[in-house]
Amino acid sequence: MPKVRIGLLADELEAEVDELIALAKSKLCASMMTGRGGKALWINEDGQEILRRAVDIPEIVPKHYKGYVLKPAANPRYVYAYIKEIESRVPVCVPRKLKKVLIGKNVAIEAIEDATGVSYRYIK
């Protein structure tokens, strides 16, 4: 499935284009969107799947980022990753098996917000 224009995706999902643009900018990372914005916005395959889930209940779909894993953390369940969009190094929860394998790799990350703050986790 190639990239799709936001207008075609809005017709398929039976949603307003402006509403879908706002949802895409709040839930997708910059690498999932291309184009000048507005109706000329293109969404890749990963972004299309996330938007399909987010149209029904946008509150349960977390924000997605791409990050570069820098080093392991003291806790064996975490690594530190740099996320360019927020310009910050953050601890990311990963499976213990992948802790050393992911160092130096670009990975997909979800940002989960709750009452205590924001936590980040690795996505396969």
Protein backbone atom coordinates (compact mmCIF):
# COMPACT_ATOMS: atom_id res chain seq x y z
CA MET A 1 0.00 0.00 0.00
CA PRO A 2 1.72 3.24 -1.14
CA LYS A 3 1.36 6.76 0.20
CA VAL A 4 -2.15 8.21 0.04
CA ARG A 5 -3.35 11.79 -0.06
CA ILE A 6 -5.22 12.97 3.02
CA GLY A 7 -8.35 13.74 0.96
CA LEU A 8 -8.65 10.17 -0.32
CA LEU A 9 -8.07 8.83 3.18
CA ALA A 10 -10.77 11.15 4.54
CA ASP A 11 -13.25 9.86 1.91
CA GLU A 12 -12.39 6.27 2.79
CA LEU A 13 -12.76 6.86 6.54
CA GLU A 14 -15.83 9.13 6.09
CA ALA A 15 -14.24 11.96 8.07
CA GLU A 16 -13.71 15.67 7.47
CA VAL A 17 -10.41 16.55 5.79
CA ASP A 18 -9.57 19.34 8.27
CA GLU A 19 -10.35 17.07 11.21
CA LEU A 20 -8.11 14.34 9.76
CA ILE A 21 -5.27 16.82 9.13
CA ALA A 22 -5.39 17.95 12.77
CA LEU A 23 -5.47 14.33 13.94
CA ALA A 24 -2.50 13.43 11.72
CA LYS A 25 -0.42 16.33 13.02
CA SER A 26 -1.16 15.41 16.64
CA LYS A 27 -0.66 11.62 16.37
CA LEU A 28 1.94 11.01 13.63
CA CYS A 29 5.65 11.73 13.50
CA ALA A 30 7.05 13.93 10.76
CA SER A 31 8.52 10.98 8.83
CA MET A 32 5.02 9.54 8.27
CA MET A 33 3.77 12.71 6.56
CA THR A 34 5.06 14.40 3.41
CA GLY A 35 3.87 17.28 1.31
CA ARG A 36 3.19 20.95 1.89
CA GLY A 37 0.30 20.45 4.28
CA GLY A 38 -3.40 21.02 3.90
CA LYS A 39 -5.02 18.90 1.22
CA ALA A 40 -1.59 18.25 -0.34
CA LEU A 41 -0.55 16.16 2.67
CA TRP A 42 0.53 12.58 1.95
CA ILE A 43 0.45 9.79 4.56
CA ASN A 44 2.59 6.62 4.35
CA GLU A 45 1.41 3.06 5.15
CA ASP A 46 2.29 3.18 8.87
CA GLY A 47 0.54 6.51 9.30
CA GLN A 48 -2.56 5.24 7.51
CA GLU A 49 -2.93 2.36 9.98
CA ILE A 50 -2.54 4.70 12.96
CA LEU A 51 -5.10 7.16 11.57
CA ARG A 52 -7.60 4.37 10.90
CA ARG A 53 -7.41 3.44 14.60
CA ALA A 54 -7.44 7.08 15.76
CA VAL A 55 -10.53 8.21 13.83
CA ASP A 56 -12.95 6.31 16.09
CA ILE A 57 -11.42 7.09 19.49
CA PRO A 58 -8.50 9.55 19.21
CA GLU A 59 -7.81 9.59 22.97
CA ILE A 60 -6.53 6.00 23.10
CA VAL A 61 -4.03 6.29 20.24
CA PRO A 62 -0.68 7.63 21.53
CA LYS A 63 1.65 10.05 19.74
CA HIS A 64 4.28 8.31 17.60
CA TYR A 65 7.91 9.34 17.17
CA LYS A 66 11.07 8.06 15.52
CA GLY A 67 14.12 8.02 17.76
CA TYR A 68 17.79 7.03 17.74
CA VAL A 69 18.87 4.70 20.58
CA LEU A 70 21.95 6.13 22.31
CA LYS A 71 22.85 3.87 25.23
CA PRO A 72 21.40 1.44 27.78
CA ALA A 73 19.98 2.82 31.02
CA ALA A 74 20.71 1.58 34.52
CA ASN A 75 17.36 -0.21 34.60
CA PRO A 76 17.60 -3.29 32.31
CA ARG A 77 14.14 -2.59 30.83
CA TYR A 78 15.10 0.85 29.48
CA VAL A 79 17.39 2.50 26.93
CA TYR A 80 17.99 6.17 26.21
CA ALA A 81 16.82 7.44 22.82
CA TYR A 82 17.11 10.84 21.20
CA ILE A 83 13.87 12.08 19.61
CA LYS A 84 14.58 14.83 17.10
CA GLU A 85 11.01 16.22 17.08
CA ILE A 86 11.07 17.06 20.80
CA GLU A 87 14.86 17.64 20.81
CA SER A 88 15.38 15.58 23.91
CA ARG A 89 16.93 12.36 25.19
CA VAL A 90 14.27 10.20 26.85
CA PRO A 91 14.18 6.78 28.55
CA VAL A 92 12.31 4.23 26.43
CA CYS A 93 10.89 0.95 27.73
CA VAL A 94 12.11 -1.99 25.60
CA PRO A 95 12.08 -5.79 25.91
CA ARG A 96 15.12 -7.02 27.86
CA LYS A 97 16.27 -9.19 24.96
CA LEU A 98 16.57 -6.17 22.67
CA LYS A 99 18.38 -3.85 25.07
CA LYS A 100 21.84 -4.29 23.53
CA VAL A 101 20.62 -5.02 20.00
CA LEU A 102 18.89 -1.65 19.59
CA ILE A 103 21.91 0.52 20.43
CA GLY A 104 22.75 2.71 17.43
CA LYS A 105 19.46 1.97 15.64
CA ASN A 106 16.50 4.14 14.67
CA VAL A 107 13.30 2.85 16.28
CA ALA A 108 9.60 3.70 16.46
CA ILE A 109 8.46 5.05 19.84
CA GLU A 110 5.03 5.71 21.39
CA ALA A 111 4.51 8.52 23.90
CA ILE A 112 1.94 7.59 26.53
CA GLU A 113 0.52 10.43 28.61
CA ASP A 114 -1.18 9.95 31.98
CA ALA A 115 -1.63 11.79 35.26
CA THR A 116 2.01 11.27 36.31
CA GLY A 117 3.56 12.49 33.05
CA VAL A 118 4.76 11.07 29.76
CA SER A 119 6.40 7.68 29.31
CA TYR A 120 7.85 6.24 26.12
CA ARG A 121 7.86 2.68 24.81
CA TYR A 122 9.35 0.84 21.86
CA ILE A 123 7.12 -0.32 18.99
CA LYS A 124 8.07 -3.29 16.83
